[in-house]
Every structure is written in C-alpha cells, then in structure tokens.
N, C-alpha and C. Protein backbone atom coordinates (compact mmCIF):
# COMPACT_ATOMS: atom_id res chain seq x y z
N MET A 1 105.83 74.85 104.45
CA MET A 1 105.72 76.11 103.72
C MET A 1 106.84 76.16 102.69
N SER A 2 106.46 76.38 101.43
CA SER A 2 107.44 76.52 100.35
C SER A 2 107.43 77.97 99.89
N LEU A 3 108.27 78.78 100.50
CA LEU A 3 108.29 80.22 100.25
C LEU A 3 109.06 80.54 98.99
N LYS A 4 108.46 81.35 98.13
CA LYS A 4 109.12 81.82 96.91
C LYS A 4 109.11 83.34 96.94
N LEU A 5 110.29 83.95 96.79
CA LEU A 5 110.43 85.41 96.81
C LEU A 5 110.68 85.87 95.40
N GLU A 6 109.83 86.81 94.92
CA GLU A 6 109.95 87.25 93.53
C GLU A 6 109.29 88.60 93.32
N THR A 7 109.43 89.11 92.10
CA THR A 7 108.79 90.36 91.72
C THR A 7 107.31 90.09 91.47
N ALA A 8 106.47 91.02 91.89
CA ALA A 8 105.02 90.87 91.71
C ALA A 8 104.65 90.94 90.24
N ALA A 9 103.53 90.33 89.92
CA ALA A 9 102.99 90.36 88.56
C ALA A 9 101.65 91.09 88.57
N GLN A 10 101.21 91.49 87.40
CA GLN A 10 99.94 92.20 87.25
C GLN A 10 98.78 91.41 87.89
N LYS A 11 98.82 90.10 87.76
CA LYS A 11 97.74 89.26 88.30
C LYS A 11 97.65 89.33 89.84
N ASP A 12 98.72 89.82 90.48
CA ASP A 12 98.74 89.92 91.94
C ASP A 12 98.04 91.17 92.46
N LEU A 13 97.66 92.07 91.57
CA LEU A 13 97.15 93.38 91.98
C LEU A 13 96.03 93.31 93.03
N PRO A 14 94.98 92.50 92.86
CA PRO A 14 93.93 92.47 93.89
C PRO A 14 94.46 92.09 95.28
N ARG A 15 95.35 91.12 95.34
CA ARG A 15 95.91 90.69 96.63
C ARG A 15 96.81 91.78 97.21
N LEU A 16 97.56 92.49 96.37
CA LEU A 16 98.41 93.57 96.85
C LEU A 16 97.58 94.69 97.47
N VAL A 17 96.47 95.03 96.83
CA VAL A 17 95.56 96.04 97.37
C VAL A 17 95.02 95.59 98.73
N GLU A 18 94.68 94.31 98.81
CA GLU A 18 94.17 93.76 100.07
C GLU A 18 95.22 93.84 101.18
N LEU A 19 96.46 93.48 100.86
CA LEU A 19 97.53 93.54 101.86
C LEU A 19 97.81 94.97 102.31
N LEU A 20 97.78 95.93 101.37
CA LEU A 20 97.98 97.33 101.76
C LEU A 20 96.85 97.80 102.67
N GLY A 21 95.65 97.32 102.44
CA GLY A 21 94.53 97.65 103.34
C GLY A 21 94.82 97.20 104.76
N ILE A 22 95.37 96.01 104.91
CA ILE A 22 95.74 95.48 106.22
C ILE A 22 96.83 96.36 106.85
N LEU A 23 97.83 96.72 106.06
CA LEU A 23 98.92 97.56 106.56
C LEU A 23 98.42 98.93 107.01
N PHE A 24 97.65 99.58 106.17
CA PHE A 24 97.22 100.95 106.46
C PHE A 24 96.19 101.02 107.59
N GLU A 25 95.54 99.90 107.89
CA GLU A 25 94.65 99.86 109.06
C GLU A 25 95.46 99.99 110.35
N SER A 26 96.71 99.52 110.32
CA SER A 26 97.51 99.50 111.54
C SER A 26 98.48 100.67 111.65
N GLU A 27 98.64 101.46 110.60
CA GLU A 27 99.59 102.57 110.64
C GLU A 27 98.91 103.84 111.15
N ALA A 28 99.66 104.59 111.93
CA ALA A 28 99.10 105.80 112.55
C ALA A 28 98.79 106.90 111.55
N GLU A 29 99.59 107.02 110.50
CA GLU A 29 99.48 108.18 109.61
C GLU A 29 98.59 107.94 108.39
N PHE A 30 98.30 106.69 108.05
CA PHE A 30 97.61 106.40 106.80
C PHE A 30 96.30 105.66 107.03
N SER A 31 95.43 105.76 106.05
CA SER A 31 94.16 105.04 106.07
C SER A 31 94.01 104.30 104.75
N PRO A 32 93.41 103.13 104.78
CA PRO A 32 93.23 102.39 103.52
C PRO A 32 92.27 103.11 102.58
N ASP A 33 92.60 103.09 101.31
CA ASP A 33 91.73 103.59 100.25
C ASP A 33 92.06 102.74 99.02
N SER A 34 91.28 101.72 98.79
CA SER A 34 91.62 100.72 97.78
C SER A 34 91.83 101.32 96.39
N GLU A 35 91.10 102.36 96.05
CA GLU A 35 91.29 102.96 94.72
C GLU A 35 92.65 103.66 94.62
N LYS A 36 93.03 104.39 95.68
CA LYS A 36 94.35 105.03 95.68
C LYS A 36 95.46 103.98 95.64
N GLN A 37 95.31 102.93 96.46
CA GLN A 37 96.33 101.90 96.48
C GLN A 37 96.42 101.18 95.13
N ARG A 38 95.29 100.89 94.52
CA ARG A 38 95.28 100.23 93.20
C ARG A 38 95.99 101.10 92.16
N ALA A 39 95.68 102.40 92.14
CA ALA A 39 96.29 103.30 91.16
C ALA A 39 97.81 103.39 91.34
N ALA A 40 98.26 103.49 92.58
CA ALA A 40 99.70 103.58 92.84
C ALA A 40 100.41 102.28 92.48
N LEU A 41 99.84 101.17 92.89
CA LEU A 41 100.45 99.87 92.57
C LEU A 41 100.51 99.66 91.06
N GLN A 42 99.45 100.05 90.38
CA GLN A 42 99.40 99.92 88.92
C GLN A 42 100.51 100.75 88.27
N ALA A 43 100.74 101.95 88.78
CA ALA A 43 101.79 102.81 88.23
C ALA A 43 103.17 102.18 88.41
N ILE A 44 103.40 101.55 89.55
CA ILE A 44 104.69 100.89 89.80
C ILE A 44 104.83 99.66 88.90
N LEU A 45 103.79 98.84 88.83
CA LEU A 45 103.84 97.63 88.01
C LEU A 45 104.05 97.96 86.53
N ALA A 46 103.52 99.09 86.10
CA ALA A 46 103.59 99.47 84.67
C ALA A 46 104.95 100.04 84.27
N ASP A 47 105.76 100.48 85.23
CA ASP A 47 107.02 101.14 84.89
C ASP A 47 108.13 100.71 85.84
N PRO A 48 108.89 99.68 85.49
CA PRO A 48 109.96 99.19 86.37
C PRO A 48 111.03 100.24 86.69
N ALA A 49 111.12 101.31 85.92
CA ALA A 49 112.08 102.37 86.24
C ALA A 49 111.65 103.14 87.49
N LYS A 50 110.35 103.14 87.79
CA LYS A 50 109.85 103.81 89.00
C LYS A 50 110.12 102.99 90.24
N GLY A 51 110.05 101.67 90.10
CA GLY A 51 110.26 100.81 91.25
C GLY A 51 109.79 99.41 90.96
N LYS A 52 109.87 98.59 91.99
CA LYS A 52 109.43 97.20 91.87
C LYS A 52 108.67 96.81 93.12
N ILE A 53 107.71 95.93 92.93
CA ILE A 53 106.97 95.37 94.05
C ILE A 53 107.42 93.92 94.18
N PHE A 54 107.76 93.54 95.38
CA PHE A 54 108.23 92.19 95.66
C PHE A 54 107.19 91.46 96.51
N VAL A 55 107.09 90.16 96.29
CA VAL A 55 106.13 89.36 97.04
C VAL A 55 106.80 88.09 97.56
N ALA A 56 106.20 87.55 98.61
CA ALA A 56 106.53 86.22 99.11
C ALA A 56 105.30 85.37 98.85
N ARG A 57 105.51 84.24 98.19
CA ARG A 57 104.41 83.32 97.90
C ARG A 57 104.60 82.04 98.70
N ASP A 58 103.51 81.60 99.27
CA ASP A 58 103.45 80.27 99.89
C ASP A 58 102.59 79.45 98.94
N GLY A 59 103.23 78.64 98.12
CA GLY A 59 102.51 77.99 97.04
C GLY A 59 102.12 79.06 96.04
N ARG A 60 100.83 79.19 95.76
CA ARG A 60 100.36 80.21 94.82
C ARG A 60 99.88 81.48 95.51
N GLU A 61 99.75 81.44 96.84
CA GLU A 61 99.19 82.56 97.59
C GLU A 61 100.26 83.60 97.93
N VAL A 62 99.99 84.87 97.62
CA VAL A 62 100.86 85.96 98.05
C VAL A 62 100.58 86.21 99.53
N VAL A 63 101.63 86.00 100.36
CA VAL A 63 101.46 86.13 101.81
C VAL A 63 102.18 87.35 102.37
N ALA A 64 102.99 88.02 101.54
CA ALA A 64 103.68 89.23 101.99
C ALA A 64 104.06 90.05 100.76
N MET A 65 104.26 91.34 100.99
CA MET A 65 104.65 92.24 99.91
C MET A 65 105.46 93.40 100.46
N CYS A 66 106.18 94.07 99.58
CA CYS A 66 106.85 95.32 99.88
C CYS A 66 107.22 95.96 98.55
N SER A 67 107.68 97.20 98.61
CA SER A 67 108.06 97.87 97.37
C SER A 67 109.37 98.61 97.56
N LEU A 68 110.05 98.79 96.43
CA LEU A 68 111.29 99.54 96.36
C LEU A 68 111.08 100.58 95.27
N LEU A 69 111.14 101.86 95.63
CA LEU A 69 110.90 102.96 94.70
C LEU A 69 112.21 103.70 94.47
N TYR A 70 112.54 103.95 93.21
CA TYR A 70 113.85 104.47 92.85
C TYR A 70 113.89 105.99 92.74
N THR A 71 115.04 106.53 93.11
CA THR A 71 115.33 107.95 92.98
C THR A 71 116.84 108.10 92.77
N ILE A 72 117.31 109.32 92.69
CA ILE A 72 118.74 109.60 92.57
C ILE A 72 119.14 110.38 93.82
N SER A 73 120.22 109.99 94.45
CA SER A 73 120.74 110.70 95.61
C SER A 73 121.95 111.53 95.20
N THR A 74 121.86 112.84 95.38
CA THR A 74 123.03 113.68 95.11
C THR A 74 124.09 113.44 96.17
N ALA A 75 123.68 113.10 97.41
CA ALA A 75 124.64 112.82 98.47
C ALA A 75 125.46 111.56 98.17
N GLU A 76 124.79 110.54 97.62
CA GLU A 76 125.46 109.28 97.33
C GLU A 76 126.07 109.26 95.93
N GLY A 77 125.63 110.18 95.07
CA GLY A 77 126.16 110.24 93.72
C GLY A 77 125.60 109.19 92.79
N GLY A 78 124.39 108.74 93.06
CA GLY A 78 123.79 107.73 92.18
C GLY A 78 122.45 107.24 92.67
N LYS A 79 122.11 106.05 92.24
CA LYS A 79 120.78 105.47 92.47
C LYS A 79 120.55 105.19 93.96
N ALA A 80 119.38 105.59 94.41
CA ALA A 80 118.93 105.34 95.78
C ALA A 80 117.50 104.82 95.70
N ALA A 81 117.02 104.32 96.82
CA ALA A 81 115.67 103.76 96.80
C ALA A 81 114.97 104.01 98.13
N LEU A 82 113.66 104.06 98.05
CA LEU A 82 112.79 104.11 99.22
C LEU A 82 112.18 102.72 99.37
N PHE A 83 112.29 102.16 100.55
CA PHE A 83 111.68 100.86 100.85
C PHE A 83 110.35 101.15 101.53
N GLU A 84 109.27 100.62 100.98
CA GLU A 84 107.95 100.93 101.51
C GLU A 84 107.06 99.70 101.59
N ASP A 85 106.05 99.83 102.44
CA ASP A 85 104.88 98.93 102.44
C ASP A 85 105.18 97.47 102.72
N LEU A 86 106.07 97.19 103.64
CA LEU A 86 106.29 95.79 104.02
C LEU A 86 105.11 95.33 104.87
N VAL A 87 104.42 94.33 104.39
CA VAL A 87 103.30 93.76 105.15
C VAL A 87 103.26 92.26 104.91
N VAL A 88 103.06 91.53 106.00
CA VAL A 88 102.89 90.08 105.96
C VAL A 88 101.46 89.80 106.40
N ALA A 89 100.76 88.93 105.68
CA ALA A 89 99.39 88.57 106.04
C ALA A 89 99.36 88.10 107.50
N PRO A 90 98.37 88.52 108.27
CA PRO A 90 98.34 88.21 109.70
C PRO A 90 98.51 86.72 110.04
N ASP A 91 97.95 85.83 109.26
CA ASP A 91 98.06 84.41 109.57
C ASP A 91 99.40 83.80 109.16
N HIS A 92 100.32 84.62 108.63
CA HIS A 92 101.65 84.14 108.24
C HIS A 92 102.77 84.86 109.00
N ARG A 93 102.41 85.65 110.00
CA ARG A 93 103.41 86.43 110.74
C ARG A 93 104.19 85.55 111.72
N LYS A 94 105.31 86.10 112.17
CA LYS A 94 106.19 85.47 113.16
C LYS A 94 106.80 84.16 112.63
N ARG A 95 107.06 84.13 111.32
CA ARG A 95 107.71 82.97 110.71
C ARG A 95 108.97 83.37 109.95
N GLY A 96 109.35 84.65 110.05
CA GLY A 96 110.56 85.11 109.36
C GLY A 96 110.34 85.51 107.91
N ILE A 97 109.08 85.57 107.47
CA ILE A 97 108.79 85.89 106.07
C ILE A 97 109.16 87.33 105.75
N GLY A 98 108.82 88.27 106.63
CA GLY A 98 109.14 89.68 106.39
C GLY A 98 110.63 89.90 106.28
N GLU A 99 111.40 89.29 107.17
CA GLU A 99 112.85 89.45 107.13
C GLU A 99 113.44 88.79 105.89
N ALA A 100 112.93 87.64 105.51
CA ALA A 100 113.42 86.97 104.29
C ALA A 100 113.15 87.83 103.07
N LEU A 101 111.95 88.42 103.00
CA LEU A 101 111.60 89.28 101.87
C LEU A 101 112.49 90.52 101.85
N LEU A 102 112.72 91.12 103.01
CA LEU A 102 113.59 92.30 103.11
C LEU A 102 115.01 91.97 102.64
N LYS A 103 115.56 90.85 103.07
CA LYS A 103 116.91 90.45 102.63
C LYS A 103 116.94 90.23 101.12
N HIS A 104 115.88 89.67 100.57
CA HIS A 104 115.78 89.46 99.11
C HIS A 104 115.82 90.81 98.38
N VAL A 105 115.07 91.78 98.90
CA VAL A 105 115.01 93.11 98.29
C VAL A 105 116.38 93.80 98.37
N ILE A 106 117.05 93.68 99.51
CA ILE A 106 118.37 94.30 99.66
C ILE A 106 119.36 93.69 98.65
N ALA A 107 119.33 92.38 98.49
CA ALA A 107 120.21 91.72 97.51
C ALA A 107 119.89 92.20 96.10
N HIS A 108 118.62 92.33 95.80
CA HIS A 108 118.19 92.82 94.48
C HIS A 108 118.69 94.25 94.27
N ALA A 109 118.51 95.11 95.28
CA ALA A 109 118.94 96.50 95.18
C ALA A 109 120.46 96.58 94.97
N ARG A 110 121.19 95.78 95.72
CA ARG A 110 122.66 95.77 95.59
C ARG A 110 123.05 95.38 94.16
N ALA A 111 122.40 94.36 93.61
CA ALA A 111 122.70 93.91 92.25
C ALA A 111 122.37 94.97 91.21
N GLU A 112 121.39 95.83 91.50
CA GLU A 112 120.99 96.90 90.58
C GLU A 112 121.82 98.17 90.77
N GLY A 113 122.76 98.17 91.69
CA GLY A 113 123.60 99.35 91.90
C GLY A 113 123.00 100.42 92.80
N VAL A 114 121.98 100.06 93.58
CA VAL A 114 121.42 101.02 94.54
C VAL A 114 122.46 101.27 95.62
N LEU A 115 122.69 102.55 95.94
CA LEU A 115 123.71 102.94 96.90
C LEU A 115 123.18 103.17 98.31
N ARG A 116 121.88 103.45 98.43
CA ARG A 116 121.27 103.68 99.74
C ARG A 116 119.79 103.33 99.68
N ILE A 117 119.30 102.68 100.73
CA ILE A 117 117.87 102.42 100.88
C ILE A 117 117.42 103.17 102.13
N THR A 118 116.36 103.93 101.98
CA THR A 118 115.77 104.66 103.10
C THR A 118 114.38 104.09 103.36
N LEU A 119 114.00 104.03 104.63
CA LEU A 119 112.64 103.60 104.96
C LEU A 119 112.11 104.41 106.12
N LEU A 120 110.80 104.41 106.25
CA LEU A 120 110.12 105.00 107.40
C LEU A 120 109.38 103.86 108.09
N THR A 121 109.35 103.91 109.40
CA THR A 121 108.58 102.93 110.16
C THR A 121 107.85 103.66 111.27
N ASP A 122 106.69 103.15 111.64
CA ASP A 122 105.95 103.77 112.74
C ASP A 122 106.83 103.79 113.99
N MET A 123 106.83 104.92 114.70
CA MET A 123 107.68 105.08 115.88
C MET A 123 107.42 103.99 116.93
N GLN A 124 106.18 103.53 117.04
CA GLN A 124 105.85 102.56 118.08
C GLN A 124 106.03 101.11 117.62
N ASN A 125 106.38 100.88 116.36
CA ASN A 125 106.51 99.52 115.84
C ASN A 125 107.93 98.99 116.12
N GLU A 126 108.15 98.62 117.37
CA GLU A 126 109.48 98.19 117.80
C GLU A 126 109.89 96.86 117.19
N ARG A 127 108.95 95.96 116.92
CA ARG A 127 109.29 94.68 116.29
C ARG A 127 109.86 94.91 114.89
N ALA A 128 109.23 95.79 114.13
CA ALA A 128 109.72 96.09 112.78
C ALA A 128 111.09 96.75 112.87
N GLN A 129 111.26 97.69 113.79
CA GLN A 129 112.55 98.38 113.92
C GLN A 129 113.66 97.40 114.27
N ALA A 130 113.39 96.43 115.13
CA ALA A 130 114.39 95.42 115.49
C ALA A 130 114.78 94.60 114.26
N MET A 131 113.80 94.25 113.43
CA MET A 131 114.09 93.50 112.21
C MET A 131 114.96 94.33 111.27
N TYR A 132 114.62 95.60 111.10
CA TYR A 132 115.40 96.46 110.21
C TYR A 132 116.85 96.57 110.71
N ARG A 133 117.03 96.69 112.03
CA ARG A 133 118.38 96.76 112.58
C ARG A 133 119.14 95.45 112.34
N ARG A 134 118.46 94.31 112.45
CA ARG A 134 119.11 93.01 112.24
C ARG A 134 119.72 92.89 110.86
N VAL A 135 119.10 93.53 109.86
CA VAL A 135 119.63 93.42 108.49
C VAL A 135 120.53 94.60 108.11
N GLY A 136 120.81 95.50 109.08
CA GLY A 136 121.80 96.53 108.83
C GLY A 136 121.31 97.97 108.79
N PHE A 137 120.01 98.21 108.89
CA PHE A 137 119.53 99.59 108.91
C PHE A 137 119.91 100.24 110.23
N VAL A 138 120.17 101.54 110.19
CA VAL A 138 120.51 102.31 111.39
C VAL A 138 119.63 103.55 111.43
N GLY A 139 119.48 104.10 112.62
CA GLY A 139 118.72 105.33 112.78
C GLY A 139 119.40 106.47 112.04
N SER A 140 118.63 107.48 111.71
CA SER A 140 119.15 108.63 110.98
C SER A 140 118.92 109.89 111.80
N PRO A 141 119.87 110.82 111.75
CA PRO A 141 119.63 112.10 112.42
C PRO A 141 118.65 112.99 111.65
N MET A 142 118.24 112.55 110.46
CA MET A 142 117.28 113.31 109.66
C MET A 142 115.88 113.09 110.22
N LYS A 143 115.05 114.13 110.19
CA LYS A 143 113.67 114.03 110.66
C LYS A 143 112.75 114.06 109.44
N PRO A 144 111.89 113.05 109.30
CA PRO A 144 110.96 113.09 108.18
C PRO A 144 109.91 114.18 108.38
N MET A 145 109.59 114.87 107.31
CA MET A 145 108.52 115.87 107.31
C MET A 145 107.72 115.67 106.03
N ARG A 146 106.47 116.05 106.05
CA ARG A 146 105.60 115.85 104.88
C ARG A 146 104.81 117.12 104.57
N LEU A 147 104.51 117.27 103.31
CA LEU A 147 103.56 118.27 102.83
C LEU A 147 102.61 117.53 101.91
N LYS A 148 101.35 117.44 102.30
CA LYS A 148 100.36 116.81 101.43
C LYS A 148 99.82 117.89 100.51
N ILE A 149 99.86 117.61 99.23
CA ILE A 149 99.37 118.55 98.23
C ILE A 149 98.08 117.97 97.67
N ARG A 150 97.01 118.69 97.84
CA ARG A 150 95.69 118.24 97.38
C ARG A 150 95.46 118.70 95.95
N PRO A 151 94.91 117.85 95.12
CA PRO A 151 94.58 118.29 93.76
C PRO A 151 93.55 119.40 93.79
N LYS A 152 93.64 120.31 92.84
CA LYS A 152 92.68 121.45 92.79
C LYS A 152 91.34 120.98 92.29
C-alpha cells in the first residue's frame, strides 16, 4: 500500500459523496442524502477559507476522507476548526489509515495557525474515541446541543 495524504480535488467529489454515504449509514444522528452531501462538499471545495477536505489515496483510489472547517474562537483569540466526517472505506480499515490522516490534518492545522480543533464522535464509537485520545484529544465538559432550522 502506497498511501498518499493530501487535500481533495474537485475530481474526487463522487468518491467523497460515496464515502459520506458509508459514514452516515453508521452514525446514529445522520442519514445519507447524496444531494445534500454533494452540495456541502462542493461548497467546501469551492472556498478554501471555509475549510478543506483531506483524503488518503492508495494509488489513485481515495480510501479515506475527513474535513476541517474553519471558524474564529473568542475563547482562544483566533482561528479554530471543526474536524468532521472521518471515514475509511470498509475494505481499508484497521490499517492505521484514519489515524495517519488525522495526524496529517493536525499538522496542517498547526501550520495554518489553528489554535483549537473540536470534534464530535458517536458516544458508542469507542474505537474512534481511543484513536482521538492517542493523538491528543481530550473529553470536554461542554455538552453538544443542536437546533435544526428547516428552510421555509
């Protein structure tokens, strides 16, 4: 396996949508909707100031993806990011690809001056939580809450 970690390109969009479908099938709170995923990915790819999508390639095939979305933290006094959508294709799991991609993203964020990365993980996904802890993430006393706003 010759793994290459890099920023996603426009040509990767169909595979990214496919990988998000796999991810959202397994998450408790979300359901796959390829049109929604395509629109969101397109918005990120079109504007690097909003965020970046990172991929792991085995040869030419995208085998994993994740995204880093930028914001400003008043608590940190500067740039912060949300880490989202880490998914490794099922036939490439348990090889360290997810952790390698995560470490690549953290290094990229550090180089860009990001002061804090926040992520959400399914409460029951203990394997993912162990990986996040291995690279330095810690639990937060903050409780995530959501308000879904439906278009009129």
